Amino acid sequence: MTGGLTDRSGIPFGTWQLRYIDWFRDLGFLEKPGVETKAAKDIARYLTEPIRVPGQGRPPGVPQVPQGTAPKNP
């Protein structure tokens, strides 16, 4: 028995060590110094988006999803 290291056919609990490495890479710990990280890109994009006020719906230009056409979970 391998405990938490067992691959569980697509369920992420069995591959936590791979997600940990992905997270470290996203934060820039496994890249060369000076390379812009995924985390830095995500924050820069987040800061350029307009502030959304709760209850005011989607911002202009974002397409509305017709009722009953939400994506199905696999």
C-alpha atoms as a PDB file:
ATOM      1  CA  MET A   1       0.000   0.000   0.000  1.00  0.00           C
ATOM      2  CA  THR A   2       1.441   3.384  -1.016  1.00  0.00           C
ATOM      3  CA  GLY A   3      -0.973   5.691   0.780  1.00  0.00           C
ATOM      4  CA  GLY A   4      -1.284   9.104  -0.861  1.00  0.00           C
ATOM      5  CA  LEU A   5       1.189   8.333  -3.656  1.00  0.00           C
ATOM      6  CA  THR A   6      -1.148   5.986  -5.555  1.00  0.00           C
ATOM      7  CA  ASP A   7      -2.434   7.273  -8.913  1.00  0.00           C
ATOM      8  CA  ARG A   8      -6.227   7.308  -8.703  1.00  0.00           C
ATOM      9  CA  SER A   9      -7.216   7.390 -12.384  1.00  0.00           C
ATOM     10  CA  GLY A  10      -7.505  11.150 -12.826  1.00  0.00           C
ATOM     11  CA  ILE A  11      -8.538  12.069  -9.281  1.00  0.00           C
ATOM     12  CA  PRO A  12      -5.943  14.629  -8.157  1.00  0.00           C
ATOM     13  CA  PHE A  13      -5.543  13.222  -4.637  1.00  0.00           C
ATOM     14  CA  GLY A  14      -3.256  10.448  -5.902  1.00  0.00           C
ATOM     15  CA  THR A  15      -0.949  12.845  -7.756  1.00  0.00           C
ATOM     16  CA  TRP A  16      -0.465  15.548  -5.116  1.00  0.00           C
ATOM     17  CA  GLN A  17       3.299  15.461  -5.585  1.00  0.00           C
ATOM     18  CA  LEU A  18       2.895  16.449  -9.253  1.00  0.00           C
ATOM     19  CA  ARG A  19       0.527  19.304  -8.325  1.00  0.00           C
ATOM     20  CA  TYR A  20       3.082  20.455  -5.741  1.00  0.00           C
ATOM     21  CA  ILE A  21       5.786  20.610  -8.415  1.00  0.00           C
ATOM     22  CA  ASP A  22       3.387  22.467 -10.765  1.00  0.00           C
ATOM     23  CA  TRP A  23       2.674  24.976  -7.990  1.00  0.00           C
ATOM     24  CA  PHE A  24       6.380  25.492  -7.309  1.00  0.00           C
ATOM     25  CA  ARG A  25       6.987  26.016 -11.038  1.00  0.00           C
ATOM     26  CA  ASP A  26       4.076  28.507 -11.265  1.00  0.00           C
ATOM     27  CA  LEU A  27       5.594  30.506  -8.411  1.00  0.00           C
ATOM     28  CA  GLY A  28       8.973  30.548 -10.157  1.00  0.00           C
ATOM     29  CA  PHE A  29      10.996  28.422  -7.762  1.00  0.00           C
ATOM     30  CA  LEU A  30      12.072  25.954 -10.477  1.00  0.00           C
ATOM     31  CA  GLU A  31      12.838  28.501 -13.214  1.00  0.00           C
ATOM     32  CA  LYS A  32      15.888  30.637 -13.881  1.00  0.00           C
ATOM     33  CA  PRO A  33      15.997  34.012 -12.101  1.00  0.00           C
ATOM     34  CA  GLY A  34      14.515  36.900 -14.074  1.00  0.00           C
ATOM     35  CA  VAL A  35      11.887  34.867 -15.951  1.00  0.00           C
ATOM     36  CA  GLU A  36       8.340  36.202 -15.462  1.00  0.00           C
ATOM     37  CA  THR A  37       6.330  33.588 -13.581  1.00  0.00           C
ATOM     38  CA  LYS A  38       2.782  32.412 -14.244  1.00  0.00           C
ATOM     39  CA  ALA A  39       1.799  33.879 -10.864  1.00  0.00           C
ATOM     40  CA  ALA A  40       3.185  37.310 -11.849  1.00  0.00           C
ATOM     41  CA  LYS A  41       1.314  37.183 -15.180  1.00  0.00           C
ATOM     42  CA  ASP A  42      -1.923  36.207 -13.417  1.00  0.00           C
ATOM     43  CA  ILE A  43      -1.611  39.081 -10.932  1.00  0.00           C
ATOM     44  CA  ALA A  44      -0.818  41.598 -13.700  1.00  0.00           C
ATOM     45  CA  ARG A  45      -3.915  40.479 -15.643  1.00  0.00           C
ATOM     46  CA  TYR A  46      -6.074  40.587 -12.492  1.00  0.00           C
ATOM     47  CA  LEU A  47      -4.985  44.147 -11.734  1.00  0.00           C
ATOM     48  CA  THR A  48      -5.987  45.327 -15.240  1.00  0.00           C
ATOM     49  CA  GLU A  49      -9.558  43.994 -14.931  1.00  0.00           C
ATOM     50  CA  PRO A  50     -12.252  46.423 -13.768  1.00  0.00           C
ATOM     51  CA  ILE A  51     -13.570  46.020 -10.236  1.00  0.00           C
ATOM     52  CA  ARG A  52     -16.799  44.044 -10.212  1.00  0.00           C
ATOM     53  CA  VAL A  53     -19.483  45.193  -7.817  1.00  0.00           C
ATOM     54  CA  PRO A  54     -21.576  42.340  -6.396  1.00  0.00           C
ATOM     55  CA  GLY A  55     -25.065  42.249  -7.848  1.00  0.00           C
ATOM     56  CA  GLN A  56     -24.319  44.209 -11.029  1.00  0.00           C
ATOM     57  CA  GLY A  57     -23.939  41.249 -13.378  1.00  0.00           C
ATOM     58  CA  ARG A  58     -21.353  40.764 -16.078  1.00  0.00           C
ATOM     59  CA  PRO A  59     -19.231  43.602 -17.406  1.00  0.00           C
ATOM     60  CA  PRO A  60     -19.968  44.916 -20.928  1.00  0.00           C
ATOM     61  CA  GLY A  61     -18.580  42.771 -23.726  1.00  0.00           C
ATOM     62  CA  VAL A  62     -18.798  39.472 -21.847  1.00  0.00           C
ATOM     63  CA  PRO A  63     -21.254  37.175 -23.622  1.00  0.00           C
ATOM     64  CA  GLN A  64     -24.217  35.948 -21.630  1.00  0.00           C
ATOM     65  CA  VAL A  65     -24.742  32.192 -21.340  1.00  0.00           C
ATOM     66  CA  PRO A  66     -28.281  31.307 -22.449  1.00  0.00           C
ATOM     67  CA  GLN A  67     -30.432  29.701 -19.751  1.00  0.00           C
ATOM     68  CA  GLY A  68     -30.073  25.904 -19.665  1.00  0.00           C
ATOM     69  CA  THR A  69     -26.864  25.728 -21.727  1.00  0.00           C
ATOM     70  CA  ALA A  70     -24.343  25.584 -18.882  1.00  0.00           C
ATOM     71  CA  PRO A  71     -21.506  23.111 -19.506  1.00  0.00           C
ATOM     72  CA  LYS A  72     -22.111  19.658 -18.125  1.00  0.00           C
ATOM     73  CA  ASN A  73     -19.690  18.113 -15.656  1.00  0.00           C
ATOM     74  CA  PRO A  74     -17.941  15.087 -17.145  1.00  0.00           C
END
